[in-house]
PDB file of N, CA and C in Angstrom:
ATOM      1  N   MET A   1       0.839  -1.125  -0.050  1.00  0.00           N
ATOM      2  CA  MET A   1       0.014  -0.032   0.072  1.00  0.00           C
ATOM      3  C   MET A   1       1.016   1.321  -0.059  1.00  0.00           C
ATOM      4  N   THR A   2       0.639   2.249  -0.843  1.00  0.00           N
ATOM      5  CA  THR A   2       1.250   3.301  -1.023  1.00  0.00           C
ATOM      6  C   THR A   2       0.807   4.514  -0.259  1.00  0.00           C
ATOM      7  N   PRO A   3       1.461   5.158   0.727  1.00  0.00           N
ATOM      8  CA  PRO A   3       0.922   6.340   1.470  1.00  0.00           C
ATOM      9  C   PRO A   3       0.351   7.358   0.491  1.00  0.00           C
ATOM     10  N   GLY A   4      -0.794   7.942   0.764  1.00  0.00           N
ATOM     11  CA  GLY A   4      -1.366   8.965  -0.069  1.00  0.00           C
ATOM     12  C   GLY A   4      -2.019   8.485  -1.085  1.00  0.00           C
ATOM     13  N   LEU A   5      -2.803   9.440  -1.802  1.00  0.00           N
ATOM     14  CA  LEU A   5      -3.548   9.256  -2.923  1.00  0.00           C
ATOM     15  C   LEU A   5      -3.181  10.244  -3.938  1.00  0.00           C
ATOM     16  N   PRO A   6      -3.193   9.815  -5.211  1.00  0.00           N
ATOM     17  CA  PRO A   6      -2.576  10.874  -6.362  1.00  0.00           C
ATOM     18  C   PRO A   6      -3.601  11.903  -6.417  1.00  0.00           C
ATOM     19  N   LEU A   7      -3.275  13.122  -6.479  1.00  0.00           N
ATOM     20  CA  LEU A   7      -4.127  14.199  -6.653  1.00  0.00           C
ATOM     21  C   LEU A   7      -3.827  14.934  -7.861  1.00  0.00           C
ATOM     22  N   SER A   8      -4.698  14.949  -8.960  1.00  0.00           N
ATOM     23  CA  SER A   8      -4.381  15.806 -10.155  1.00  0.00           C
ATOM     24  C   SER A   8      -4.552  17.497  -9.764  1.00  0.00           C
ATOM     25  N   ARG A   9      -3.720  18.283  -9.916  1.00  0.00           N
ATOM     26  CA  ARG A   9      -4.173  19.766  -9.450  1.00  0.00           C
ATOM     27  C   ARG A   9      -3.885  20.305 -10.894  1.00  0.00           C
ATOM     28  N   CYS A  10      -5.058  21.170 -11.248  1.00  0.00           N
ATOM     29  CA  CYS A  10      -5.049  21.903 -12.503  1.00  0.00           C
ATOM     30  C   CYS A  10      -4.041  23.039 -12.607  1.00  0.00           C
ATOM     31  N   THR A  11      -3.245  23.053 -13.652  1.00  0.00           N
ATOM     32  CA  THR A  11      -2.426  24.180 -13.680  1.00  0.00           C
ATOM     33  C   THR A  11      -2.809  25.561 -13.910  1.00  0.00           C
ATOM     34  N   GLY A  12      -4.055  25.486 -14.340  1.00  0.00           N
ATOM     35  CA  GLY A  12      -4.782  26.774 -14.626  1.00  0.00           C
ATOM     36  C   GLY A  12      -5.166  27.416 -13.348  1.00  0.00           C
ATOM     37  N   CYS A  13      -6.004  26.798 -12.538  1.00  0.00           N
ATOM     38  CA  CYS A  13      -6.667  27.344 -11.354  1.00  0.00           C
ATOM     39  C   CYS A  13      -6.172  26.832 -10.058  1.00  0.00           C
ATOM     40  N   GLY A  14      -5.338  25.739 -10.081  1.00  0.00           N
ATOM     41  CA  GLY A  14      -4.794  25.125  -8.864  1.00  0.00           C
ATOM     42  C   GLY A  14      -5.769  24.206  -8.068  1.00  0.00           C
ATOM     43  N   THR A  15      -6.985  23.965  -8.640  1.00  0.00           N
ATOM     44  CA  THR A  15      -7.787  23.127  -7.883  1.00  0.00           C
ATOM     45  C   THR A  15      -7.195  21.518  -7.890  1.00  0.00           C
ATOM     46  N   GLY A  16      -7.449  20.888  -6.857  1.00  0.00           N
ATOM     47  CA  GLY A  16      -7.092  19.337  -6.994  1.00  0.00           C
ATOM     48  C   GLY A  16      -8.258  18.531  -7.070  1.00  0.00           C
ATOM     49  N   PHE A  17      -8.078  17.446  -7.761  1.00  0.00           N
ATOM     50  CA  PHE A  17      -9.138  16.453  -8.010  1.00  0.00           C
ATOM     51  C   PHE A  17      -8.827  15.088  -7.749  1.00  0.00           C
ATOM     52  N   PHE A  18      -9.489  14.330  -7.254  1.00  0.00           N
ATOM     53  CA  PHE A  18      -9.264  12.717  -7.173  1.00  0.00           C
ATOM     54  C   PHE A  18     -10.692  12.100  -7.467  1.00  0.00           C
ATOM     55  N   PRO A  19     -10.927  11.366  -8.494  1.00  0.00           N
ATOM     56  CA  PRO A  19     -10.012  10.859  -9.288  1.00  0.00           C
ATOM     57  C   PRO A  19      -9.468  11.881 -10.511  1.00  0.00           C
ATOM     58  N   HIS A  20      -8.656  11.605 -11.317  1.00  0.00           N
ATOM     59  CA  HIS A  20      -8.137  12.512 -12.302  1.00  0.00           C
ATOM     60  C   HIS A  20      -9.233  12.833 -13.210  1.00  0.00           C
ATOM     61  N   ARG A  21      -9.288  14.142 -13.744  1.00  0.00           N
ATOM     62  CA  ARG A  21     -10.300  14.591 -14.726  1.00  0.00           C
ATOM     63  C   ARG A  21      -9.268  14.875 -16.005  1.00  0.00           C
ATOM     64  N   LEU A  22     -10.147  14.705 -17.064  1.00  0.00           N
ATOM     65  CA  LEU A  22      -9.632  15.138 -18.381  1.00  0.00           C
ATOM     66  C   LEU A  22      -9.372  16.624 -18.664  1.00  0.00           C
ATOM     67  N   ILE A  23     -10.552  17.257 -18.033  1.00  0.00           N
ATOM     68  CA  ILE A  23     -10.667  18.777 -18.314  1.00  0.00           C
ATOM     69  C   ILE A  23     -10.925  19.400 -16.847  1.00  0.00           C
ATOM     70  N   CYS A  24     -10.568  20.467 -16.358  1.00  0.00           N
ATOM     71  CA  CYS A  24     -10.822  20.979 -15.118  1.00  0.00           C
ATOM     72  C   CYS A  24     -12.329  21.636 -15.257  1.00  0.00           C
ATOM     73  N   PRO A  25     -13.314  21.069 -14.446  1.00  0.00           N
ATOM     74  CA  PRO A  25     -14.493  21.653 -14.456  1.00  0.00           C
ATOM     75  C   PRO A  25     -14.817  23.008 -13.873  1.00  0.00           C
ATOM     76  N   ARG A  26     -13.727  23.494 -13.332  1.00  0.00           N
ATOM     77  CA  ARG A  26     -13.650  24.970 -12.881  1.00  0.00           C
ATOM     78  C   ARG A  26     -13.315  26.146 -13.847  1.00  0.00           C
ATOM     79  N   CYS A  27     -12.154  25.565 -14.574  1.00  0.00           N
ATOM     80  CA  CYS A  27     -11.584  26.742 -15.518  1.00  0.00           C
ATOM     81  C   CYS A  27     -11.739  26.303 -16.888  1.00  0.00           C
ATOM     82  N   GLY A  28     -11.531  24.914 -17.200  1.00  0.00           N
ATOM     83  CA  GLY A  28     -11.573  24.330 -18.503  1.00  0.00           C
ATOM     84  C   GLY A  28     -10.239  23.925 -19.076  1.00  0.00           C
ATOM     85  N   GLU A  29      -9.127  24.204 -18.193  1.00  0.00           N
ATOM     86  CA  GLU A  29      -7.918  23.730 -18.617  1.00  0.00           C
ATOM     87  C   GLU A  29      -7.642  22.391 -18.639  1.00  0.00           C
ATOM     88  N   ALA A  30      -6.734  21.898 -19.454  1.00  0.00           N
ATOM     89  CA  ALA A  30      -6.608  20.468 -19.695  1.00  0.00           C
ATOM     90  C   ALA A  30      -4.930  20.088 -19.259  1.00  0.00           C
ATOM     91  N   SER A  31      -4.552  20.977 -18.524  1.00  0.00           N
ATOM     92  CA  SER A  31      -2.909  20.579 -18.134  1.00  0.00           C
ATOM     93  C   SER A  31      -3.135  20.444 -16.594  1.00  0.00           C
ATOM     94  N   TRP A  32      -2.186  19.287 -16.185  1.00  0.00           N
ATOM     95  CA  TRP A  32      -2.232  19.034 -14.798  1.00  0.00           C
ATOM     96  C   TRP A  32      -0.890  18.732 -14.364  1.00  0.00           C
ATOM     97  N   GLN A  33      -0.775  18.808 -12.883  1.00  0.00           N
ATOM     98  CA  GLN A  33       0.330  18.395 -12.252  1.00  0.00           C
ATOM     99  C   GLN A  33      -0.121  17.503 -11.125  1.00  0.00           C
ATOM    100  N   THR A  34       0.809  16.524 -10.813  1.00  0.00           N
ATOM    101  CA  THR A  34       0.357  15.360  -9.839  1.00  0.00           C
ATOM    102  C   THR A  34       0.918  15.728  -8.390  1.00  0.00           C
ATOM    103  N   ASP A  35      -0.061  15.834  -7.495  1.00  0.00           N
ATOM    104  CA  ASP A  35       0.508  16.085  -5.882  1.00  0.00           C
ATOM    105  C   ASP A  35      -0.063  14.660  -5.323  1.00  0.00           C
ATOM    106  N   ARG A  36       0.053  14.708  -3.981  1.00  0.00           N
ATOM    107  CA  ARG A  36      -0.596  13.636  -3.130  1.00  0.00           C
ATOM    108  C   ARG A  36      -1.191  14.229  -1.919  1.00  0.00           C
ATOM    109  N   VAL A  37      -2.331  13.517  -1.650  1.00  0.00           N
ATOM    110  CA  VAL A  37      -3.124  13.948  -0.565  1.00  0.00           C
ATOM    111  C   VAL A  37      -3.047  12.810   0.521  1.00  0.00           C
ATOM    112  N   GLU A  38      -2.783  13.090   1.639  1.00  0.00           N
ATOM    113  CA  GLU A  38      -2.325  12.010   2.642  1.00  0.00           C
ATOM    114  C   GLU A  38      -3.442  12.112   3.875  1.00  0.00           C
ATOM    115  N   ALA A  39      -4.241  12.949   4.018  1.00  0.00           N
ATOM    116  CA  ALA A  39      -5.030  13.005   5.303  1.00  0.00           C
ATOM    117  C   ALA A  39      -6.542  13.351   4.901  1.00  0.00           C
ATOM    118  N   GLY A  40      -7.395  13.079   6.006  1.00  0.00           N
ATOM    119  CA  GLY A  40      -8.682  13.434   5.891  1.00  0.00           C
ATOM    120  C   GLY A  40      -9.594  13.248   7.045  1.00  0.00           C
ATOM    121  N   VAL A  41     -10.823  13.429   7.026  1.00  0.00           N
ATOM    122  CA  VAL A  41     -11.782  13.210   8.168  1.00  0.00           C
ATOM    123  C   VAL A  41     -12.915  12.461   7.734  1.00  0.00           C
ATOM    124  N   VAL A  42     -13.317  11.418   8.396  1.00  0.00           N
ATOM    125  CA  VAL A  42     -14.568  10.707   7.897  1.00  0.00           C
ATOM    126  C   VAL A  42     -15.978  11.632   8.257  1.00  0.00           C
ATOM    127  N   GLU A  43     -16.609  11.693   6.979  1.00  0.00           N
ATOM    128  CA  GLU A  43     -17.766  12.485   7.275  1.00  0.00           C
ATOM    129  C   GLU A  43     -19.087  11.456   7.384  1.00  0.00           C
ATOM    130  N   GLN A  44     -18.998  10.357   6.873  1.00  0.00           N
ATOM    131  CA  GLN A  44     -20.058   9.348   7.106  1.00  0.00           C
ATOM    132  C   GLN A  44     -19.484   8.011   6.732  1.00  0.00           C
ATOM    133  N   MET A  45     -20.001   6.890   7.354  1.00  0.00           N
ATOM    134  CA  MET A  45     -19.657   5.541   7.081  1.00  0.00           C
ATOM    135  C   MET A  45     -20.849   4.765   6.917  1.00  0.00           C
ATOM    136  N   THR A  46     -20.590   3.632   6.174  1.00  0.00           N
ATOM    137  CA  THR A  46     -21.648   2.701   5.898  1.00  0.00           C
ATOM    138  C   THR A  46     -21.050   1.210   5.875  1.00  0.00           C
ATOM    139  N   THR A  47     -21.769   0.214   6.285  1.00  0.00           N
ATOM    140  CA  THR A  47     -21.267  -1.134   6.195  1.00  0.00           C
ATOM    141  C   THR A  47     -22.156  -1.826   5.065  1.00  0.00           C
ATOM    142  N   VAL A  48     -21.339  -2.416   4.224  1.00  0.00           N
ATOM    143  CA  VAL A  48     -21.790  -3.291   3.042  1.00  0.00           C
ATOM    144  C   VAL A  48     -21.540  -4.720   3.452  1.00  0.00           C
ATOM    145  N   ARG A  49     -22.293  -5.646   3.210  1.00  0.00           N
ATOM    146  CA  ARG A  49     -22.126  -7.014   3.434  1.00  0.00           C
ATOM    147  C   ARG A  49     -22.183  -7.696   2.098  1.00  0.00           C
ATOM    148  N   TYR A  50     -21.185  -8.677   1.841  1.00  0.00           N
ATOM    149  CA  TYR A  50     -21.063  -9.112   0.502  1.00  0.00           C
ATOM    150  C   TYR A  50     -20.654 -10.672   0.859  1.00  0.00           C
ATOM    151  N   ALA A  51     -20.859 -11.666  -0.128  1.00  0.00           N
ATOM    152  CA  ALA A  51     -20.628 -12.989  -0.037  1.00  0.00           C
ATOM    153  C   ALA A  51     -19.177 -13.394  -0.769  1.00  0.00           C
ATOM    154  N   ALA A  52     -19.044 -12.846  -1.835  1.00  0.00           N
ATOM    155  CA  ALA A  52     -17.901 -13.225  -2.791  1.00  0.00           C
ATOM    156  C   ALA A  52     -17.512 -14.653  -2.718  1.00  0.00           C
ATOM    157  N   GLY A  53     -18.562 -15.353  -3.238  1.00  0.00           N
ATOM    158  CA  GLY A  53     -18.387 -16.901  -3.306  1.00  0.00           C
ATOM    159  C   GLY A  53     -18.336 -17.732  -2.051  1.00  0.00           C
ATOM    160  N   ARG A  54     -18.721 -17.022  -0.905  1.00  0.00           N
ATOM    161  CA  ARG A  54     -18.720 -17.729   0.384  1.00  0.00           C
ATOM    162  C   ARG A  54     -20.201 -17.769   0.818  1.00  0.00           C
ATOM    163  N   ASP A  55     -20.130 -18.669   1.738  1.00  0.00           N
ATOM    164  CA  ASP A  55     -21.726 -18.998   2.265  1.00  0.00           C
ATOM    165  C   ASP A  55     -21.894 -18.104   3.428  1.00  0.00           C
ATOM    166  N   GLN A  56     -20.826 -17.422   4.004  1.00  0.00           N
ATOM    167  CA  GLN A  56     -21.100 -16.376   5.027  1.00  0.00           C
ATOM    168  C   GLN A  56     -20.751 -15.047   4.722  1.00  0.00           C
ATOM    169  N   TRP A  57     -21.666 -14.209   5.046  1.00  0.00           N
ATOM    170  CA  TRP A  57     -21.501 -12.782   4.565  1.00  0.00           C
ATOM    171  C   TRP A  57     -20.521 -12.110   5.652  1.00  0.00           C
ATOM    172  N   GLU A  58     -19.653 -11.277   4.972  1.00  0.00           N
ATOM    173  CA  GLU A  58     -18.728 -10.525   5.842  1.00  0.00           C
ATOM    174  C   GLU A  58     -18.828  -8.979   5.459  1.00  0.00           C
ATOM    175  N   PRO A  59     -18.770  -8.329   6.651  1.00  0.00           N
ATOM    176  CA  PRO A  59     -18.756  -6.735   6.341  1.00  0.00           C
ATOM    177  C   PRO A  59     -17.842  -6.090   5.747  1.00  0.00           C
ATOM    178  N   ARG A  60     -18.086  -5.098   4.894  1.00  0.00           N
ATOM    179  CA  ARG A  60     -16.899  -4.204   4.504  1.00  0.00           C
ATOM    180  C   ARG A  60     -17.381  -2.729   4.868  1.00  0.00           C
ATOM    181  N   TYR A  61     -16.563  -2.011   5.124  1.00  0.00           N
ATOM    182  CA  TYR A  61     -16.653  -0.546   5.688  1.00  0.00           C
ATOM    183  C   TYR A  61     -16.454   0.249   4.695  1.00  0.00           C
ATOM    184  N   ILE A  62     -17.063   1.347   4.237  1.00  0.00           N
ATOM    185  CA  ILE A  62     -16.868   2.311   3.207  1.00  0.00           C
ATOM    186  C   ILE A  62     -17.261   3.739   3.868  1.00  0.00           C
ATOM    187  N   ALA A  63     -16.434   4.636   3.690  1.00  0.00           N
ATOM    188  CA  ALA A  63     -16.642   5.974   4.234  1.00  0.00           C
ATOM    189  C   ALA A  63     -16.585   7.124   3.032  1.00  0.00           C
ATOM    190  N   CYS A  64     -17.234   8.278   3.406  1.00  0.00           N
ATOM    191  CA  CYS A  64     -17.177   9.482   2.642  1.00  0.00           C
ATOM    192  C   CYS A  64     -15.981  10.215   3.493  1.00  0.00           C
ATOM    193  N   VAL A  65     -14.906  10.524   3.008  1.00  0.00           N
ATOM    194  CA  VAL A  65     -13.821  11.243   3.550  1.00  0.00           C
ATOM    195  C   VAL A  65     -13.596  12.447   2.856  1.00  0.00           C
ATOM    196  N   ARG A  66     -13.741  13.610   3.907  1.00  0.00           N
ATOM    197  CA  ARG A  66     -13.258  15.007   3.211  1.00  0.00           C
ATOM    198  C   ARG A  66     -11.553  15.022   3.371  1.00  0.00           C
ATOM    199  N   THR A  67     -11.014  15.248   2.341  1.00  0.00           N
ATOM    200  CA  THR A  67      -9.604  15.203   2.366  1.00  0.00           C
ATOM    201  C   THR A  67      -8.983  16.573   2.843  1.00  0.00           C
ATOM    202  N   SER A  68      -7.845  16.630   3.257  1.00  0.00           N
ATOM    203  CA  SER A  68      -7.360  17.857   3.702  1.00  0.00           C
ATOM    204  C   SER A  68      -7.268  19.001   2.798  1.00  0.00           C
ATOM    205  N   GLU A  69      -7.364  18.405   1.518  1.00  0.00           N
ATOM    206  CA  GLU A  69      -7.519  19.407   0.243  1.00  0.00           C
ATOM    207  C   GLU A  69      -8.946  19.877  -0.018  1.00  0.00           C
ATOM    208  N   GLY A  70      -9.929  19.078   0.689  1.00  0.00           N
ATOM    209  CA  GLY A  70     -11.245  19.654   0.545  1.00  0.00           C
ATOM    210  C   GLY A  70     -12.100  18.727  -0.395  1.00  0.00           C
ATOM    211  N   GLN A  71     -11.607  17.822  -1.085  1.00  0.00           N
ATOM    212  CA  GLN A  71     -12.287  16.947  -1.838  1.00  0.00           C
ATOM    213  C   GLN A  71     -13.221  15.875  -1.095  1.00  0.00           C
ATOM    214  N   VAL A  72     -14.119  15.465  -1.458  1.00  0.00           N
ATOM    215  CA  VAL A  72     -14.973  14.332  -0.703  1.00  0.00           C
ATOM    216  C   VAL A  72     -14.783  13.148  -1.492  1.00  0.00           C
ATOM    217  N   ILE A  73     -14.209  12.047  -0.965  1.00  0.00           N
ATOM    218  CA  ILE A  73     -14.047  10.803  -1.951  1.00  0.00           C
ATOM    219  C   ILE A  73     -14.455   9.678  -1.006  1.00  0.00           C
ATOM    220  N   ASN A  74     -14.859   8.518  -1.718  1.00  0.00           N
ATOM    221  CA  ASN A  74     -15.192   7.264  -1.036  1.00  0.00           C
ATOM    222  C   ASN A  74     -14.013   6.507  -0.812  1.00  0.00           C
ATOM    223  N   ALA A  75     -13.821   5.991   0.380  1.00  0.00           N
ATOM    224  CA  ALA A  75     -12.696   5.102   0.545  1.00  0.00           C
ATOM    225  C   ALA A  75     -13.090   3.786   1.542  1.00  0.00           C
ATOM    226  N   GLY A  76     -12.280   2.808   1.223  1.00  0.00           N
ATOM    227  CA  GLY A  76     -12.479   1.733   2.024  1.00  0.00           C
ATOM    228  C   GLY A  76     -11.902   1.961   3.395  1.00  0.00           C
ATOM    229  N   LEU A  77     -12.519   1.197   4.362  1.00  0.00           N
ATOM    230  CA  LEU A  77     -11.988   1.240   5.839  1.00  0.00           C
ATOM    231  C   LEU A  77     -11.750   0.041   6.171  1.00  0.00           C
ATOM    232  N   GLU A  78     -10.663  -0.316   6.903  1.00  0.00           N
ATOM    233  CA  GLU A  78     -10.251  -1.467   7.521  1.00  0.00           C
ATOM    234  C   GLU A  78     -10.992  -1.994   8.921  1.00  0.00           C
ATOM    235  N   GLU A  79     -11.648  -0.898   9.522  1.00  0.00           N
ATOM    236  CA  GLU A  79     -12.422  -1.097  10.537  1.00  0.00           C
ATOM    237  C   GLU A  79     -13.531   0.121  10.704  1.00  0.00           C
ATOM    238  N   PRO A  80     -14.567  -0.322  11.341  1.00  0.00           N
ATOM    239  CA  PRO A  80     -15.590   0.903  11.352  1.00  0.00           C
ATOM    240  C   PRO A  80     -15.127   2.123  12.164  1.00  0.00           C
ATOM    241  N   LEU A  81     -15.340   3.281  11.713  1.00  0.00           N
ATOM    242  CA  LEU A  81     -14.874   4.518  12.483  1.00  0.00           C
ATOM    243  C   LEU A  81     -15.979   5.373  12.488  1.00  0.00           C
ATOM    244  N   PRO A  82     -16.187   6.352  13.754  1.00  0.00           N
ATOM    245  CA  PRO A  82     -17.228   7.112  13.734  1.00  0.00           C
ATOM    246  C   PRO A  82     -16.898   8.480  12.911  1.00  0.00           C
ATOM    247  N   GLU A  83     -17.897   9.165  12.782  1.00  0.00           N
ATOM    248  CA  GLU A  83     -17.791  10.556  12.011  1.00  0.00           C
ATOM    249  C   GLU A  83     -16.835  11.340  12.654  1.00  0.00           C
ATOM    250  N   GLN A  84     -16.128  12.371  12.039  1.00  0.00           N
ATOM    251  CA  GLN A  84     -15.156  13.128  12.549  1.00  0.00           C
ATOM    252  C   GLN A  84     -13.813  12.526  13.119  1.00  0.00           C
ATOM    253  N   THR A  85     -13.530  11.171  12.699  1.00  0.00           N
ATOM    254  CA  THR A  85     -12.363  10.593  13.024  1.00  0.00           C
ATOM    255  C   THR A  85     -11.235  11.036  11.913  1.00  0.00           C
ATOM    256  N   ALA A  86     -10.230  11.405  12.416  1.00  0.00           N
ATOM    257  CA  ALA A  86      -9.090  11.731  11.362  1.00  0.00           C
ATOM    258  C   ALA A  86      -8.417  10.522  10.836  1.00  0.00           C
ATOM    259  N   VAL A  87      -8.171  10.493   9.627  1.00  0.00           N
ATOM    260  CA  VAL A  87      -7.670   9.307   8.905  1.00  0.00           C
ATOM    261  C   VAL A  87      -6.410   9.797   8.060  1.00  0.00           C
ATOM    262  N   LYS A  88      -5.732   8.587   7.727  1.00  0.00           N
ATOM    263  CA  LYS A  88      -4.454   8.801   6.765  1.00  0.00           C
ATOM    264  C   LYS A  88      -5.052   7.965   5.648  1.00  0.00           C
ATOM    265  N   LEU A  89      -4.556   8.549   4.397  1.00  0.00           N
ATOM    266  CA  LEU A  89      -5.127   7.916   3.213  1.00  0.00           C
ATOM    267  C   LEU A  89      -4.059   7.012   2.533  1.00  0.00           C
ATOM    268  N   PHE A  90      -4.401   6.072   1.759  1.00  0.00           N
ATOM    269  CA  PHE A  90      -3.487   5.098   1.216  1.00  0.00           C
ATOM    270  C   PHE A  90      -4.171   4.688  -0.148  1.00  0.00           C
ATOM    271  N   ASP A  91      -3.112   4.254  -1.083  1.00  0.00           N
ATOM    272  CA  ASP A  91      -3.597   3.895  -2.442  1.00  0.00           C
ATOM    273  C   ASP A  91      -3.234   2.246  -2.486  1.00  0.00           C
ATOM    274  N   ARG A  92      -4.180   1.443  -2.561  1.00  0.00           N
ATOM    275  CA  ARG A  92      -4.124   0.060  -2.745  1.00  0.00           C
ATOM    276  C   ARG A  92      -4.462  -0.436  -4.047  1.00  0.00           C
ATOM    277  N   ASP A  93      -3.514  -0.511  -4.729  1.00  0.00           N
ATOM    278  CA  ASP A  93      -3.658  -0.953  -6.309  1.00  0.00           C
ATOM    279  C   ASP A  93      -4.887  -0.033  -6.909  1.00  0.00           C
ATOM    280  N   GLY A  94      -4.683   1.219  -6.625  1.00  0.00           N
ATOM    281  CA  GLY A  94      -5.590   2.121  -7.344  1.00  0.00           C
ATOM    282  C   GLY A  94      -7.032   2.426  -6.504  1.00  0.00           C
ATOM    283  N   CYS A  95      -7.250   1.832  -5.337  1.00  0.00           N
ATOM    284  CA  CYS A  95      -8.357   1.942  -4.541  1.00  0.00           C
ATOM    285  C   CYS A  95      -8.059   2.765  -3.310  1.00  0.00           C
ATOM    286  N   PRO A  96      -8.729   3.761  -2.992  1.00  0.00           N
ATOM    287  CA  PRO A  96      -8.541   4.424  -1.883  1.00  0.00           C
ATOM    288  C   PRO A  96      -8.869   3.901  -0.653  1.00  0.00           C
ATOM    289  N   ILE A  97      -7.943   3.730   0.367  1.00  0.00           N
ATOM    290  CA  ILE A  97      -8.205   3.265   1.727  1.00  0.00           C
ATOM    291  C   ILE A  97      -7.853   4.210   2.739  1.00  0.00           C
ATOM    292  N   ALA A  98      -8.726   4.323   3.797  1.00  0.00           N
ATOM    293  CA  ALA A  98      -8.498   5.230   4.878  1.00  0.00           C
ATOM    294  C   ALA A  98      -8.139   4.428   6.104  1.00  0.00           C
ATOM    295  N   ARG A  99      -7.240   4.693   7.058  1.00  0.00           N
ATOM    296  CA  ARG A  99      -6.934   4.177   8.360  1.00  0.00           C
ATOM    297  C   ARG A  99      -6.909   5.303   9.509  1.00  0.00           C
ATOM    298  N   ARG A 100      -7.383   4.842  10.564  1.00  0.00           N
ATOM    299  CA  ARG A 100      -7.300   5.848  11.623  1.00  0.00           C
ATOM    300  C   ARG A 100      -5.872   6.463  11.733  1.00  0.00           C
ATOM    301  N   ALA A 101      -5.893   7.850  11.772  1.00  0.00           N
ATOM    302  CA  ALA A 101      -4.598   8.555  12.017  1.00  0.00           C
ATOM    303  C   ALA A 101      -4.283   8.289  13.518  1.00  0.00           C
ATOM    304  N   LEU A 102      -2.888   7.973  13.674  1.00  0.00           N
ATOM    305  CA  LEU A 102      -2.573   7.702  15.214  1.00  0.00           C
ATOM    306  C   LEU A 102      -1.871   9.053  15.489  1.00  0.00           C
ATOM    307  N   GLY A 103      -2.146   9.497  16.644  1.00  0.00           N
ATOM    308  CA  GLY A 103      -1.382  10.581  17.354  1.00  0.00           C
ATOM    309  C   GLY A 103      -1.895  11.786  16.960  1.00  0.00           C
TER     310      GLY A 103
END
């Protein structure tokens, strides 16, 4: 797992987006630089249950996370977390994952 998520920052207006956009919806520019966003706060969490070829259902936790850059993204959680919990963001093979921030 790689720390942080790739953030595409528009070179025209400086707005950051995740996931990457082809054209900036704010200014119409199509030129980007890549930054990373590493932290956020859980705004809302839900539990999804899936079977994935098994007889027993297992819970998966998904959260809306407001990043330190201001974007709201959907991220997988490794454990249920209450709203307003500070998290660190990770990239697991292209999927955003959030973990409780320690300290």
